[in-house]
Amino acid sequence: MKPTQQFFAAIALALVAFCVPVPKAVAQAADSLVGSWSLVSLTVAKSGNEIELLGPHPQGQLIFGNDGRYVLLVLSADLPKFTSGDRQQSTVEENAKVARGNVAHFGSYTVDTAAQVIVFHIKKSTFPNWDAEVQRRPFTLDGDRLTYFTPGAFGYGSSKVVWQRMK
């Protein structure tokens, strides 16, 4: 091989090397999740349509600790105040609206960087059917925007949850 061919072959090889993802770069996704996130949207696929499960403008926060623990809370923006002013004296209707208008759970988490999946080890949830479950949620991380999918959420199709990093 001539020296100029060797030179161009070396440059081509270097360019290919720079384009191939390095495993350490993928592993950084787990560390990149640590911190506080604010809910942007939560939609559920139902009968081929996306619906806002908690109504327009739901509010929420997700905190991933660097110790492998997390807390997630999502609320409908229009939860009713209890007429009595006492949580123990709320009406059946008020309780039903509050139960339908929130999702919260906490526990520990891991990140499967190879599969780009967050694995939630749910300890307790406001949806008791999720207590002690392990749930895998495929995710993408685009700068300060985290999007994940919850397959078969809430008895409908999958839900799409979008979070923005809090600064």
Protein backbone atom coordinates (compact mmCIF):
# COMPACT_ATOMS: atom_id res chain seq x y z
CA MET A 1 0.00 0.00 0.00
CA LYS A 2 1.32 3.43 -0.95
CA PRO A 3 1.96 6.02 1.81
CA THR A 4 -0.93 8.22 0.63
CA GLN A 5 -3.29 5.22 0.67
CA GLN A 6 -2.08 4.35 4.19
CA PHE A 7 -2.69 7.94 5.28
CA PHE A 8 -6.26 8.00 3.93
CA ALA A 9 -6.95 4.53 5.34
CA ALA A 10 -5.79 5.72 8.77
CA ILE A 11 -8.05 8.79 8.54
CA ALA A 12 -11.03 6.63 7.49
CA LEU A 13 -10.38 4.25 10.39
CA ALA A 14 -10.19 7.17 12.84
CA LEU A 15 -13.47 8.60 11.54
CA VAL A 16 -15.19 5.24 11.92
CA ALA A 17 -13.82 4.93 15.47
CA PHE A 18 -15.26 8.32 16.39
CA CYS A 19 -18.69 7.33 15.05
CA VAL A 20 -18.97 4.06 16.97
CA PRO A 21 -20.65 4.54 20.37
CA VAL A 22 -18.39 3.86 23.30
CA PRO A 23 -19.95 1.68 26.06
CA LYS A 24 -18.92 4.23 28.71
CA ALA A 25 -20.96 6.91 26.91
CA VAL A 26 -24.05 4.70 27.10
CA ALA A 27 -23.38 3.95 30.77
CA GLN A 28 -23.46 7.68 31.47
CA ALA A 29 -27.23 7.60 30.81
CA ALA A 30 -27.76 6.10 34.29
CA ASP A 31 -25.84 8.94 35.96
CA SER A 32 -27.61 11.44 33.71
CA LEU A 33 -30.98 10.53 35.25
CA VAL A 34 -29.95 11.51 38.78
CA GLY A 35 -31.74 14.65 39.93
CA SER A 36 -35.19 16.21 39.93
CA TRP A 37 -37.57 16.16 36.98
CA SER A 38 -40.81 18.09 36.38
CA LEU A 39 -43.71 16.50 34.52
CA VAL A 40 -44.35 17.83 31.01
CA SER A 41 -47.07 15.40 29.88
CA LEU A 42 -48.65 12.02 30.57
CA THR A 43 -50.70 10.49 27.76
CA VAL A 44 -52.25 7.05 27.42
CA ALA A 45 -53.02 5.17 24.21
CA LYS A 46 -56.69 4.16 24.27
CA SER A 47 -58.54 2.80 21.23
CA GLY A 48 -55.87 4.20 18.92
CA ASN A 49 -56.01 7.69 20.42
CA GLU A 50 -53.78 9.47 22.91
CA ILE A 51 -55.69 10.82 25.90
CA GLU A 52 -54.48 12.91 28.80
CA LEU A 53 -55.09 10.49 31.63
CA LEU A 54 -54.99 13.16 34.34
CA GLY A 55 -56.54 15.92 32.27
CA PRO A 56 -54.79 18.92 30.79
CA HIS A 57 -51.70 20.30 32.51
CA PRO A 58 -51.01 17.57 35.09
CA GLN A 59 -48.27 18.37 37.57
CA GLY A 60 -45.64 16.08 38.95
CA GLN A 61 -42.14 15.48 40.09
CA LEU A 62 -39.74 12.57 39.75
CA ILE A 63 -36.56 12.40 41.80
CA PHE A 64 -33.80 9.91 41.02
CA GLY A 65 -31.28 9.75 43.86
CA ASN A 66 -27.66 8.83 43.33
CA ASP A 67 -28.26 6.13 45.97
CA GLY A 68 -30.56 4.17 43.62
CA ARG A 69 -33.82 5.33 45.21
CA TYR A 70 -36.60 7.31 43.56
CA VAL A 71 -39.91 9.05 44.32
CA LEU A 72 -42.55 9.81 41.69
CA LEU A 73 -45.71 11.90 42.15
CA VAL A 74 -48.13 12.95 39.41
CA LEU A 75 -51.37 14.85 40.06
CA SER A 76 -54.28 16.16 38.06
CA ALA A 77 -54.25 19.96 38.02
CA ASP A 78 -57.91 20.10 39.06
CA LEU A 79 -58.12 17.94 42.19
CA PRO A 80 -61.11 19.08 44.26
CA LYS A 81 -60.76 20.62 47.68
CA PHE A 82 -62.67 18.69 50.30
CA THR A 83 -65.86 20.54 51.21
CA SER A 84 -65.52 19.59 54.88
CA GLY A 85 -61.89 20.74 55.01
CA ASP A 86 -61.11 17.38 56.71
CA ARG A 87 -59.48 14.48 54.87
CA GLN A 88 -61.27 12.04 57.16
CA GLN A 89 -64.68 13.51 56.31
CA SER A 90 -64.41 13.63 52.51
CA THR A 91 -67.29 12.52 50.32
CA VAL A 92 -67.34 9.44 48.10
CA GLU A 93 -67.22 11.68 45.02
CA GLU A 94 -64.27 13.69 46.35
CA ASN A 95 -62.38 10.48 47.16
CA ALA A 96 -63.09 9.06 43.71
CA LYS A 97 -61.76 12.18 41.97
CA VAL A 98 -58.62 12.17 44.09
CA ALA A 99 -58.05 8.44 43.50
CA ARG A 100 -58.40 8.89 39.73
CA GLY A 101 -56.36 12.09 39.74
CA ASN A 102 -53.02 10.88 41.04
CA VAL A 103 -50.26 8.37 40.56
CA ALA A 104 -47.44 8.06 43.06
CA HIS A 105 -44.89 5.42 43.85
CA PHE A 106 -41.46 5.06 45.40
CA GLY A 107 -38.75 2.49 45.76
CA SER A 108 -35.44 1.80 44.08
CA TYR A 109 -34.35 1.89 40.47
CA THR A 110 -31.67 0.61 38.17
CA VAL A 111 -30.89 1.46 34.58
CA ASP A 112 -30.28 -1.18 31.94
CA THR A 113 -28.04 0.96 29.75
CA ALA A 114 -27.67 -1.66 27.01
CA ALA A 115 -31.45 -1.84 26.52
CA GLN A 116 -32.08 1.86 27.42
CA VAL A 117 -34.59 0.81 30.08
CA ILE A 118 -35.30 2.23 33.52
CA VAL A 119 -36.17 -0.59 35.93
CA PHE A 120 -38.45 0.58 38.75
CA HIS A 121 -38.51 -1.68 41.82
CA ILE A 122 -41.75 -0.29 43.24
CA LYS A 123 -42.06 -0.59 47.01
CA LYS A 124 -45.46 1.14 47.41
CA SER A 125 -47.84 2.94 45.09
CA THR A 126 -51.15 4.82 45.21
CA PHE A 127 -52.16 2.14 42.69
CA PRO A 128 -51.78 -0.82 45.09
CA ASN A 129 -51.68 -3.33 42.23
CA TRP A 130 -48.15 -2.05 41.57
CA ASP A 131 -46.88 -2.65 45.12
CA ALA A 132 -43.74 -4.82 45.11
CA GLU A 133 -43.67 -4.94 41.27
CA VAL A 134 -40.65 -4.56 39.06
CA GLN A 135 -41.45 -2.53 35.94
CA ARG A 136 -39.24 -1.92 32.93
CA ARG A 137 -39.71 1.33 31.06
CA PRO A 138 -37.93 2.01 27.77
CA PHE A 139 -36.60 5.56 27.76
CA THR A 140 -34.89 8.20 25.70
CA LEU A 141 -32.85 11.06 27.07
CA ASP A 142 -32.53 14.09 24.83
CA GLY A 143 -30.57 16.75 26.69
CA ASP A 144 -32.76 17.73 29.65
CA ARG A 145 -35.84 15.91 28.30
CA LEU A 146 -36.60 12.39 29.55
CA THR A 147 -39.32 10.32 27.87
CA TYR A 148 -40.35 6.83 28.90
CA PHE A 149 -43.15 4.42 28.15
CA THR A 150 -45.17 2.35 30.62
CA PRO A 151 -46.56 -0.68 28.77
CA GLY A 152 -50.19 -1.51 29.56
CA ALA A 153 -50.57 1.26 32.12
CA PHE A 154 -53.80 1.69 34.04
CA GLY A 155 -55.72 -0.95 32.09
CA TYR A 156 -55.36 0.93 28.79
CA GLY A 157 -52.57 0.80 26.28
CA SER A 158 -49.13 2.14 26.98
CA SER A 159 -48.56 5.53 28.54
CA LYS A 160 -45.99 8.05 27.38
CA VAL A 161 -44.50 10.16 30.16
CA VAL A 162 -42.34 13.18 29.42
CA TRP A 163 -40.20 14.93 32.05
CA GLN A 164 -38.04 18.05 32.00
CA ARG A 165 -34.95 18.33 34.22
CA MET A 166 -35.45 20.92 36.96
CA LYS A 167 -32.73 23.53 37.32
